Amino acid sequence: MGESKAGDRSSGGDAAGMAAVNGEGCPRADNHRLALLSVVIPARDEAGCIASTVEHLHLELRLHGIAHEIIVVDDGSSDGTWPILEAAAERIAEVVPVRNPGPNGFGRAIQKGLATATGDAVVIMMADESDDCRDVVRYWKTLQEGFDCVFGSRFMKGGGTIDYPWVKLVLNRCANQFIRLLFGIRLNDTTNAFKAYRRDVVEGCLPILSPHFNITVELPLKAIVRGYSWTTIPITWRNRRSGIAKLKIREMGSRYFFIVAYVWLEKYFSRGDYRRPLR
């Protein structure tokens, strides 16, 4: 499903108009260099992979000279995730283990991580190494160009998926197409959690309502509706090689719909009350 990058700055009249309205392809005029990257990783029962996830990420960021902190939020794990995180923090100073005592939920864990983060930019990443740590470097470099947000797409030219369950793939494409049509945007992978934001974008999207996986659509849609600039880069996703997937599609349908409807109502009926302040 090929799609041109927003960063390519298409010059077509209609496309340019849409980009201007959505903040797509429009880096901020007051760009300042970002100094510290926070990576927020929610983890629940990820003892089989969390150590390698943080080690590979830390190595990749260190090789590229990116100052960083890796905030891993243990969201009520019942396995050995927490002691593994404590051991990782002893070896790697940049690892910050955080416990979410409850109530638990993917969205709540991310909110806990965002509240802990001290960086001036944040990347939200999965704990199971399904997201490529090399893409985190590309997110950071693209943010440095002046964008408020960088959204990864597995379904644009240059992106890809490995071992994606076909049922989830079909549901994913239907949900994302619905969101594209509803909001009139070109982003074709809104439901993907793996995205990057400047700190002031996260603050500008408060309050965050989603306690579960619906946070993956709340944050990007709010950022777009509230007028923050964004671009899209191709990313690669690989199905987990250990552990059990936490996303339960049957439980999430109504929650996704609620958040999408909520942000849609804000877009058309809030009269701009929540839009980002003019710089």
C-alpha atoms as a PDB file:
ATOM      1  CA  MET A   1       0.000   0.000   0.000  1.00  0.00           C
ATOM      2  CA  GLY A   2       2.520   2.605  -1.175  1.00  0.00           C
ATOM      3  CA  GLU A   3       2.274   6.136   0.099  1.00  0.00           C
ATOM      4  CA  SER A   4       4.649   9.060  -0.254  1.00  0.00           C
ATOM      5  CA  LYS A   5       6.310  10.344   2.890  1.00  0.00           C
ATOM      6  CA  ALA A   6       4.927  13.527   4.369  1.00  0.00           C
ATOM      7  CA  GLY A   7       8.513  14.645   4.605  1.00  0.00           C
ATOM      8  CA  ASP A   8       8.708  14.581   0.807  1.00  0.00           C
ATOM      9  CA  ARG A   9       6.633  17.798   0.816  1.00  0.00           C
ATOM     10  CA  SER A  10       4.442  17.045  -2.186  1.00  0.00           C
ATOM     11  CA  SER A  11       3.848  20.171  -4.263  1.00  0.00           C
ATOM     12  CA  GLY A  12       0.398  19.237  -5.635  1.00  0.00           C
ATOM     13  CA  GLY A  13      -2.242  21.884  -4.865  1.00  0.00           C
ATOM     14  CA  ASP A  14      -4.763  19.680  -3.061  1.00  0.00           C
ATOM     15  CA  ALA A  15      -2.096  17.709  -1.219  1.00  0.00           C
ATOM     16  CA  ALA A  16      -0.337  20.880  -0.125  1.00  0.00           C
ATOM     17  CA  GLY A  17      -3.595  22.323   1.130  1.00  0.00           C
ATOM     18  CA  MET A  18      -4.351  19.209   3.145  1.00  0.00           C
ATOM     19  CA  ALA A  19      -0.817  19.213   4.559  1.00  0.00           C
ATOM     20  CA  ALA A  20      -1.169  22.804   5.702  1.00  0.00           C
ATOM     21  CA  VAL A  21      -4.474  22.084   7.435  1.00  0.00           C
ATOM     22  CA  ASN A  22      -3.192  18.978   9.209  1.00  0.00           C
ATOM     23  CA  GLY A  23       0.267  20.279  10.073  1.00  0.00           C
ATOM     24  CA  GLU A  24       1.718  17.584   7.839  1.00  0.00           C
ATOM     25  CA  GLY A  25       5.149  18.318   6.416  1.00  0.00           C
ATOM     26  CA  CYS A  26       5.424  21.667   8.237  1.00  0.00           C
ATOM     27  CA  PRO A  27       8.401  21.787  10.630  1.00  0.00           C
ATOM     28  CA  ARG A  28       8.246  24.392  13.370  1.00  0.00           C
ATOM     29  CA  ALA A  29       9.779  27.801  12.679  1.00  0.00           C
ATOM     30  CA  ASP A  30      11.251  28.090  16.197  1.00  0.00           C
ATOM     31  CA  ASN A  31      13.083  24.769  16.051  1.00  0.00           C
ATOM     32  CA  HIS A  32      15.634  24.166  18.784  1.00  0.00           C
ATOM     33  CA  ARG A  33      18.018  21.271  19.138  1.00  0.00           C
ATOM     34  CA  LEU A  34      16.748  18.436  21.284  1.00  0.00           C
ATOM     35  CA  ALA A  35      19.145  17.307  23.990  1.00  0.00           C
ATOM     36  CA  LEU A  36      17.713  14.188  25.648  1.00  0.00           C
ATOM     37  CA  LEU A  37      15.549  11.384  24.286  1.00  0.00           C
ATOM     38  CA  SER A  38      13.218   9.449  26.575  1.00  0.00           C
ATOM     39  CA  VAL A  39      12.096   6.027  25.366  1.00  0.00           C
ATOM     40  CA  VAL A  40       9.004   4.767  27.183  1.00  0.00           C
ATOM     41  CA  ILE A  41       8.440   1.011  27.144  1.00  0.00           C
ATOM     42  CA  PRO A  42       5.390  -0.539  28.850  1.00  0.00           C
ATOM     43  CA  ALA A  43       6.064  -4.116  29.925  1.00  0.00           C
ATOM     44  CA  ARG A  44       3.820  -6.809  31.361  1.00  0.00           C
ATOM     45  CA  ASP A  45       5.178 -10.333  31.769  1.00  0.00           C
ATOM     46  CA  GLU A  46       8.059  -9.757  29.339  1.00  0.00           C
ATOM     47  CA  ALA A  47      10.787 -11.655  31.219  1.00  0.00           C
ATOM     48  CA  GLY A  48      11.751 -13.532  28.067  1.00  0.00           C
ATOM     49  CA  CYS A  49      12.716 -10.458  26.041  1.00  0.00           C
ATOM     50  CA  ILE A  50      12.916  -7.246  28.083  1.00  0.00           C
ATOM     51  CA  ALA A  51      16.642  -7.530  28.830  1.00  0.00           C
ATOM     52  CA  SER A  52      17.577  -7.872  25.152  1.00  0.00           C
ATOM     53  CA  THR A  53      15.152  -5.080  24.215  1.00  0.00           C
ATOM     54  CA  VAL A  54      16.782  -2.504  26.482  1.00  0.00           C
ATOM     55  CA  GLU A  55      20.326  -3.710  25.771  1.00  0.00           C
ATOM     56  CA  HIS A  56      19.945  -3.524  21.993  1.00  0.00           C
ATOM     57  CA  LEU A  57      18.216  -0.144  22.214  1.00  0.00           C
ATOM     58  CA  HIS A  58      20.865   1.307  24.513  1.00  0.00           C
ATOM     59  CA  LEU A  59      23.653   0.068  22.260  1.00  0.00           C
ATOM     60  CA  GLU A  60      22.052   1.527  19.144  1.00  0.00           C
ATOM     61  CA  LEU A  61      21.472   4.937  20.741  1.00  0.00           C
ATOM     62  CA  ARG A  62      24.957   5.028  22.240  1.00  0.00           C
ATOM     63  CA  LEU A  63      26.551   4.179  18.886  1.00  0.00           C
ATOM     64  CA  HIS A  64      24.797   7.216  17.373  1.00  0.00           C
ATOM     65  CA  GLY A  65      25.752   9.502  20.253  1.00  0.00           C
ATOM     66  CA  ILE A  66      22.167  10.119  21.364  1.00  0.00           C
ATOM     67  CA  ALA A  67      21.776  11.081  25.020  1.00  0.00           C
ATOM     68  CA  HIS A  68      18.895   9.010  26.314  1.00  0.00           C
ATOM     69  CA  GLU A  69      16.980   7.392  29.117  1.00  0.00           C
ATOM     70  CA  ILE A  70      15.033   4.146  28.772  1.00  0.00           C
ATOM     71  CA  ILE A  71      11.986   4.146  31.012  1.00  0.00           C
ATOM     72  CA  VAL A  72      10.496   0.674  31.352  1.00  0.00           C
ATOM     73  CA  VAL A  73       7.175   0.532  33.178  1.00  0.00           C
ATOM     74  CA  ASP A  74       6.409  -2.831  34.765  1.00  0.00           C
ATOM     75  CA  ASP A  75       2.629  -2.969  34.485  1.00  0.00           C
ATOM     76  CA  GLY A  76       1.796  -5.554  37.133  1.00  0.00           C
ATOM     77  CA  SER A  77       3.967  -8.408  35.858  1.00  0.00           C
ATOM     78  CA  SER A  78       3.620 -11.782  37.557  1.00  0.00           C
ATOM     79  CA  ASP A  79       6.824 -13.251  36.112  1.00  0.00           C
ATOM     80  CA  GLY A  80      10.456 -12.177  36.536  1.00  0.00           C
ATOM     81  CA  THR A  81      10.211  -8.912  34.597  1.00  0.00           C
ATOM     82  CA  TRP A  82      10.878  -6.631  37.575  1.00  0.00           C
ATOM     83  CA  PRO A  83      14.077  -8.287  38.894  1.00  0.00           C
ATOM     84  CA  ILE A  84      15.387  -8.431  35.314  1.00  0.00           C
ATOM     85  CA  LEU A  85      14.782  -4.692  34.998  1.00  0.00           C
ATOM     86  CA  GLU A  86      16.521  -4.018  38.300  1.00  0.00           C
ATOM     87  CA  ALA A  87      19.532  -6.002  37.104  1.00  0.00           C
ATOM     88  CA  ALA A  88      19.528  -4.152  33.781  1.00  0.00           C
ATOM     89  CA  ALA A  89      19.498  -0.803  35.604  1.00  0.00           C
ATOM     90  CA  GLU A  90      22.602  -1.847  37.543  1.00  0.00           C
ATOM     91  CA  ARG A  91      24.442  -2.561  34.280  1.00  0.00           C
ATOM     92  CA  ILE A  92      23.066   0.368  32.264  1.00  0.00           C
ATOM     93  CA  ALA A  93      22.715   3.742  33.965  1.00  0.00           C
ATOM     94  CA  GLU A  94      20.242   4.930  31.323  1.00  0.00           C
ATOM     95  CA  VAL A  95      17.663   2.279  32.230  1.00  0.00           C
ATOM     96  CA  VAL A  96      14.967   3.617  34.578  1.00  0.00           C
ATOM     97  CA  PRO A  97      12.673   0.864  35.924  1.00  0.00           C
ATOM     98  CA  VAL A  98       9.264   2.085  37.090  1.00  0.00           C
ATOM     99  CA  ARG A  99       6.464   0.095  38.667  1.00  0.00           C
ATOM    100  CA  ASN A 100       2.807   0.738  37.932  1.00  0.00           C
ATOM    101  CA  PRO A 101       1.144  -0.766  41.007  1.00  0.00           C
ATOM    102  CA  GLY A 102      -2.340  -0.440  39.543  1.00  0.00           C
ATOM    103  CA  PRO A 103      -4.802  -0.092  38.150  1.00  0.00           C
ATOM    104  CA  ASN A 104      -3.009  -1.685  35.239  1.00  0.00           C
ATOM    105  CA  GLY A 105      -3.427  -1.264  31.513  1.00  0.00           C
ATOM    106  CA  PHE A 106      -1.244  -0.524  28.487  1.00  0.00           C
ATOM    107  CA  GLY A 107      -2.373   3.109  28.344  1.00  0.00           C
ATOM    108  CA  ARG A 108      -1.934   3.599  32.074  1.00  0.00           C
ATOM    109  CA  ALA A 109       1.601   2.202  31.883  1.00  0.00           C
ATOM    110  CA  ILE A 110       2.474   4.614  29.075  1.00  0.00           C
ATOM    111  CA  GLN A 111       1.019   7.525  31.043  1.00  0.00           C
ATOM    112  CA  LYS A 112       3.176   6.510  34.014  1.00  0.00           C
ATOM    113  CA  GLY A 113       6.221   6.445  31.763  1.00  0.00           C
ATOM    114  CA  LEU A 114       5.421   9.822  30.204  1.00  0.00           C
ATOM    115  CA  ALA A 115       5.043  11.337  33.679  1.00  0.00           C
ATOM    116  CA  THR A 116       8.464   9.946  34.625  1.00  0.00           C
ATOM    117  CA  ALA A 117      10.266  11.035  31.441  1.00  0.00           C
ATOM    118  CA  THR A 118      12.674  13.971  31.701  1.00  0.00           C
ATOM    119  CA  GLY A 119      13.694  14.213  28.031  1.00  0.00           C
ATOM    120  CA  ASP A 120      12.566  16.926  25.630  1.00  0.00           C
ATOM    121  CA  ALA A 121      11.339  14.237  23.222  1.00  0.00           C
ATOM    122  CA  VAL A 122       9.812  10.818  23.744  1.00  0.00           C
ATOM    123  CA  VAL A 123       9.487   7.627  21.720  1.00  0.00           C
ATOM    124  CA  ILE A 124       6.916   5.021  22.744  1.00  0.00           C
ATOM    125  CA  MET A 125       8.160   1.520  21.976  1.00  0.00           C
ATOM    126  CA  MET A 126       6.997  -2.040  22.557  1.00  0.00           C
ATOM    127  CA  ALA A 127       8.841  -4.333  24.962  1.00  0.00           C
ATOM    128  CA  ASP A 128       8.935  -7.427  22.744  1.00  0.00           C
ATOM    129  CA  GLU A 129      11.439  -6.217  20.101  1.00  0.00           C
ATOM    130  CA  SER A 130       8.711  -6.042  17.479  1.00  0.00           C
ATOM    131  CA  ASP A 131       9.859  -2.452  16.905  1.00  0.00           C
ATOM    132  CA  ASP A 132      13.279  -1.909  15.338  1.00  0.00           C
ATOM    133  CA  CYS A 133      15.634   0.086  17.577  1.00  0.00           C
ATOM    134  CA  ARG A 134      17.290   1.498  14.430  1.00  0.00           C
ATOM    135  CA  ASP A 135      14.000   3.255  13.705  1.00  0.00           C
ATOM    136  CA  VAL A 136      14.292   5.028  17.079  1.00  0.00           C
ATOM    137  CA  VAL A 137      17.435   6.726  15.753  1.00  0.00           C
ATOM    138  CA  ARG A 138      15.571   7.778  12.613  1.00  0.00           C
ATOM    139  CA  TYR A 139      12.724   9.169  14.743  1.00  0.00           C
ATOM    140  CA  TRP A 140      15.208  11.261  16.727  1.00  0.00           C
ATOM    141  CA  LYS A 141      16.905  12.640  13.638  1.00  0.00           C
ATOM    142  CA  THR A 142      13.559  13.540  12.050  1.00  0.00           C
ATOM    143  CA  LEU A 143      12.377  15.317  15.192  1.00  0.00           C
ATOM    144  CA  GLN A 144      15.608  17.317  15.062  1.00  0.00           C
ATOM    145  CA  GLU A 145      14.480  18.692  11.694  1.00  0.00           C
ATOM    146  CA  GLY A 146      11.785  20.611  13.549  1.00  0.00           C
ATOM    147  CA  PHE A 147       8.740  18.350  13.469  1.00  0.00           C
ATOM    148  CA  ASP A 148       6.545  18.122  16.547  1.00  0.00           C
ATOM    149  CA  CYS A 149       5.682  14.458  15.905  1.00  0.00           C
ATOM    150  CA  VAL A 150       7.036  11.635  13.776  1.00  0.00           C
ATOM    151  CA  PHE A 151       4.705   8.747  12.988  1.00  0.00           C
ATOM    152  CA  GLY A 152       5.994   5.440  11.696  1.00  0.00           C
ATOM    153  CA  SER A 153       4.122   3.478   9.054  1.00  0.00           C
ATOM    154  CA  ARG A 154       4.554  -0.202   8.343  1.00  0.00           C
ATOM    155  CA  PHE A 155       2.411   0.139   5.226  1.00  0.00           C
ATOM    156  CA  MET A 156       4.103   2.847   3.181  1.00  0.00           C
ATOM    157  CA  LYS A 157       6.918   2.456   0.669  1.00  0.00           C
ATOM    158  CA  GLY A 158      10.045   1.354   2.516  1.00  0.00           C
ATOM    159  CA  GLY A 159       8.146  -0.028   5.510  1.00  0.00           C
ATOM    160  CA  GLY A 160       7.212  -3.618   6.190  1.00  0.00           C
ATOM    161  CA  THR A 161       5.950  -6.334   8.495  1.00  0.00           C
ATOM    162  CA  ILE A 162       7.328  -9.769   9.266  1.00  0.00           C
ATOM    163  CA  ASP A 163       5.024 -12.604  10.355  1.00  0.00           C
ATOM    164  CA  TYR A 164       1.960 -10.398  10.875  1.00  0.00           C
ATOM    165  CA  PRO A 165      -1.083 -12.605  11.755  1.00  0.00           C
ATOM    166  CA  TRP A 166      -3.455 -12.230   8.796  1.00  0.00           C
ATOM    167  CA  VAL A 167      -6.613 -11.674  10.901  1.00  0.00           C
ATOM    168  CA  LYS A 168      -4.981  -8.804  12.768  1.00  0.00           C
ATOM    169  CA  LEU A 169      -3.621  -7.450   9.485  1.00  0.00           C
ATOM    170  CA  VAL A 170      -7.073  -7.312   7.872  1.00  0.00           C
ATOM    171  CA  LEU A 171      -8.611  -5.655  10.938  1.00  0.00           C
ATOM    172  CA  ASN A 172      -5.703  -3.222  11.126  1.00  0.00           C
ATOM    173  CA  ARG A 173      -6.077  -2.089   7.523  1.00  0.00           C
ATOM    174  CA  CYS A 174      -9.847  -1.655   7.879  1.00  0.00           C
ATOM    175  CA  ALA A 175      -9.511   0.362  11.089  1.00  0.00           C
ATOM    176  CA  ASN A 176      -6.803   2.602   9.671  1.00  0.00           C
ATOM    177  CA  GLN A 177      -8.713   3.223   6.457  1.00  0.00           C
ATOM    178  CA  PHE A 178     -11.763   4.220   8.515  1.00  0.00           C
ATOM    179  CA  ILE A 179      -9.665   6.693  10.530  1.00  0.00           C
ATOM    180  CA  ARG A 180      -8.078   8.135   7.383  1.00  0.00           C
ATOM    181  CA  LEU A 181     -11.455   8.824   5.808  1.00  0.00           C
ATOM    182  CA  LEU A 182     -13.007  10.138   9.023  1.00  0.00           C
ATOM    183  CA  PHE A 183     -10.233  12.661   9.720  1.00  0.00           C
ATOM    184  CA  GLY A 184      -9.152  13.359   6.143  1.00  0.00           C
ATOM    185  CA  ILE A 185      -5.495  12.520   6.769  1.00  0.00           C
ATOM    186  CA  ARG A 186      -2.900  10.579   4.773  1.00  0.00           C
ATOM    187  CA  LEU A 187      -1.454   8.730   7.768  1.00  0.00           C
ATOM    188  CA  ASN A 188      -2.183   5.051   7.126  1.00  0.00           C
ATOM    189  CA  ASP A 189      -0.905   3.464  10.361  1.00  0.00           C
ATOM    190  CA  THR A 190      -2.511   5.457  13.167  1.00  0.00           C
ATOM    191  CA  THR A 191      -3.046   2.371  15.348  1.00  0.00           C
ATOM    192  CA  ASN A 192       0.667   1.615  15.605  1.00  0.00           C
ATOM    193  CA  ALA A 193       2.009   2.457  19.087  1.00  0.00           C
ATOM    194  CA  PHE A 194       5.575   3.117  17.892  1.00  0.00           C
ATOM    195  CA  LYS A 195       5.705   6.910  17.468  1.00  0.00           C
ATOM    196  CA  ALA A 196       7.755   9.948  18.524  1.00  0.00           C
ATOM    197  CA  TYR A 197       6.702  13.255  20.065  1.00  0.00           C
ATOM    198  CA  ARG A 198       8.326  16.384  21.385  1.00  0.00           C
ATOM    199  CA  ARG A 199       7.650  16.924  25.072  1.00  0.00           C
ATOM    200  CA  ASP A 200       5.370  19.924  24.550  1.00  0.00           C
ATOM    201  CA  VAL A 201       3.152  17.810  22.267  1.00  0.00           C
ATOM    202  CA  VAL A 202       2.564  15.259  25.033  1.00  0.00           C
ATOM    203  CA  GLU A 203       1.761  18.081  27.441  1.00  0.00           C
ATOM    204  CA  GLY A 204      -0.541  19.622  24.842  1.00  0.00           C
ATOM    205  CA  CYS A 205      -2.488  16.349  24.487  1.00  0.00           C
ATOM    206  CA  LEU A 206      -3.446  16.199  28.162  1.00  0.00           C
ATOM    207  CA  PRO A 207      -5.585  14.914  29.675  1.00  0.00           C
ATOM    208  CA  ILE A 208      -4.983  11.459  28.241  1.00  0.00           C
ATOM    209  CA  LEU A 209      -8.118   9.348  28.625  1.00  0.00           C
ATOM    210  CA  SER A 210      -7.127   5.920  27.299  1.00  0.00           C
ATOM    211  CA  PRO A 211      -6.302   3.274  29.923  1.00  0.00           C
ATOM    212  CA  HIS A 212      -5.599   0.558  27.371  1.00  0.00           C
ATOM    213  CA  PHE A 213      -4.326   0.106  23.803  1.00  0.00           C
ATOM    214  CA  ASN A 214      -6.613   2.855  22.535  1.00  0.00           C
ATOM    215  CA  ILE A 215      -3.914   5.293  23.655  1.00  0.00           C
ATOM    216  CA  THR A 216      -2.183   4.356  20.396  1.00  0.00           C
ATOM    217  CA  VAL A 217      -4.805   6.318  18.444  1.00  0.00           C
ATOM    218  CA  GLU A 218      -5.581   8.985  21.047  1.00  0.00           C
ATOM    219  CA  LEU A 219      -2.113  10.548  21.076  1.00  0.00           C
ATOM    220  CA  PRO A 220      -1.522  10.920  17.309  1.00  0.00           C
ATOM    221  CA  LEU A 221      -5.079  11.997  16.520  1.00  0.00           C
ATOM    222  CA  LYS A 222      -5.067  14.591  19.295  1.00  0.00           C
ATOM    223  CA  ALA A 223      -1.695  15.897  18.114  1.00  0.00           C
ATOM    224  CA  ILE A 224      -3.006  16.255  14.549  1.00  0.00           C
ATOM    225  CA  VAL A 225      -6.335  17.808  15.559  1.00  0.00           C
ATOM    226  CA  ARG A 226      -4.644  20.229  17.944  1.00  0.00           C
ATOM    227  CA  GLY A 227      -2.408  21.582  15.203  1.00  0.00           C
ATOM    228  CA  TYR A 228       1.025  20.080  15.865  1.00  0.00           C
ATOM    229  CA  SER A 229       3.272  19.448  12.880  1.00  0.00           C
ATOM    230  CA  TRP A 230       3.974  15.881  11.857  1.00  0.00           C
ATOM    231  CA  THR A 231       5.575  13.698   9.254  1.00  0.00           C
ATOM    232  CA  THR A 232       5.681   9.990   8.480  1.00  0.00           C
ATOM    233  CA  ILE A 233       8.621   7.633   7.980  1.00  0.00           C
ATOM    234  CA  PRO A 234       8.599   3.963   6.963  1.00  0.00           C
ATOM    235  CA  ILE A 235       9.313   1.497   9.765  1.00  0.00           C
ATOM    236  CA  THR A 236       9.649  -2.260  10.105  1.00  0.00           C
ATOM    237  CA  TRP A 237       7.632  -4.450  12.473  1.00  0.00           C
ATOM    238  CA  ARG A 238       8.397  -8.055  13.420  1.00  0.00           C
ATOM    239  CA  ASN A 239       6.034 -10.359  15.312  1.00  0.00           C
ATOM    240  CA  ARG A 240       7.201 -11.181  18.816  1.00  0.00           C
ATOM    241  CA  ARG A 241       9.501 -14.152  19.207  1.00  0.00           C
ATOM    242  CA  SER A 242       8.725 -14.805  22.882  1.00  0.00           C
ATOM    243  CA  GLY A 243       5.858 -14.232  25.293  1.00  0.00           C
ATOM    244  CA  ILE A 244       2.181 -13.670  24.568  1.00  0.00           C
ATOM    245  CA  ALA A 245       0.603 -10.724  22.762  1.00  0.00           C
ATOM    246  CA  LYS A 246      -1.310  -8.482  25.196  1.00  0.00           C
ATOM    247  CA  LEU A 247      -3.698  -6.872  22.707  1.00  0.00           C
ATOM    248  CA  LYS A 248      -7.139  -8.524  22.867  1.00  0.00           C
ATOM    249  CA  ILE A 249      -9.073  -7.406  19.786  1.00  0.00           C
ATOM    250  CA  ARG A 250     -12.484  -8.429  21.140  1.00  0.00           C
ATOM    251  CA  GLU A 251     -11.972  -6.241  24.213  1.00  0.00           C
ATOM    252  CA  MET A 252     -10.638  -3.216  22.353  1.00  0.00           C
ATOM    253  CA  GLY A 253     -13.115  -2.506  19.534  1.00  0.00           C
ATOM    254  CA  SER A 254     -15.501  -0.311  21.528  1.00  0.00           C
ATOM    255  CA  ARG A 255     -12.616   1.424  23.307  1.00  0.00           C
ATOM    256  CA  TYR A 256     -10.972   2.368  20.015  1.00  0.00           C
ATOM    257  CA  PHE A 257     -14.289   3.613  18.682  1.00  0.00           C
ATOM    258  CA  PHE A 258     -14.896   5.736  21.792  1.00  0.00           C
ATOM    259  CA  ILE A 259     -11.519   7.504  21.529  1.00  0.00           C
ATOM    260  CA  VAL A 260     -11.804   8.039  17.770  1.00  0.00           C
ATOM    261  CA  ALA A 261     -15.289   9.507  18.223  1.00  0.00           C
ATOM    262  CA  TYR A 262     -14.104  11.668  21.116  1.00  0.00           C
ATOM    263  CA  VAL A 263     -11.263  13.225  19.123  1.00  0.00           C
ATOM    264  CA  TRP A 264     -13.505  13.606  16.051  1.00  0.00           C
ATOM    265  CA  LEU A 265     -15.986  15.571  18.161  1.00  0.00           C
ATOM    266  CA  GLU A 266     -13.142  17.757  19.401  1.00  0.00           C
ATOM    267  CA  LYS A 267     -12.022  18.393  15.824  1.00  0.00           C
ATOM    268  CA  TYR A 268     -15.412  19.621  14.645  1.00  0.00           C
ATOM    269  CA  PHE A 269     -17.114  21.014  17.741  1.00  0.00           C
ATOM    270  CA  SER A 270     -14.477  22.358  20.180  1.00  0.00           C
ATOM    271  CA  ARG A 271     -14.026  25.578  18.155  1.00  0.00           C
ATOM    272  CA  GLY A 272     -10.266  25.273  18.509  1.00  0.00           C
ATOM    273  CA  ASP A 273     -10.253  25.547  22.317  1.00  0.00           C
ATOM    274  CA  TYR A 274      -7.584  22.849  22.646  1.00  0.00           C
ATOM    275  CA  ARG A 275      -5.329  23.746  19.738  1.00  0.00           C
ATOM    276  CA  ARG A 276      -1.650  24.296  20.438  1.00  0.00           C
ATOM    277  CA  PRO A 277      -0.680  27.852  21.415  1.00  0.00           C
ATOM    278  CA  LEU A 278       0.710  30.005  18.620  1.00  0.00           C
ATOM    279  CA  ARG A 279       4.493  30.239  18.649  1.00  0.00           C
END
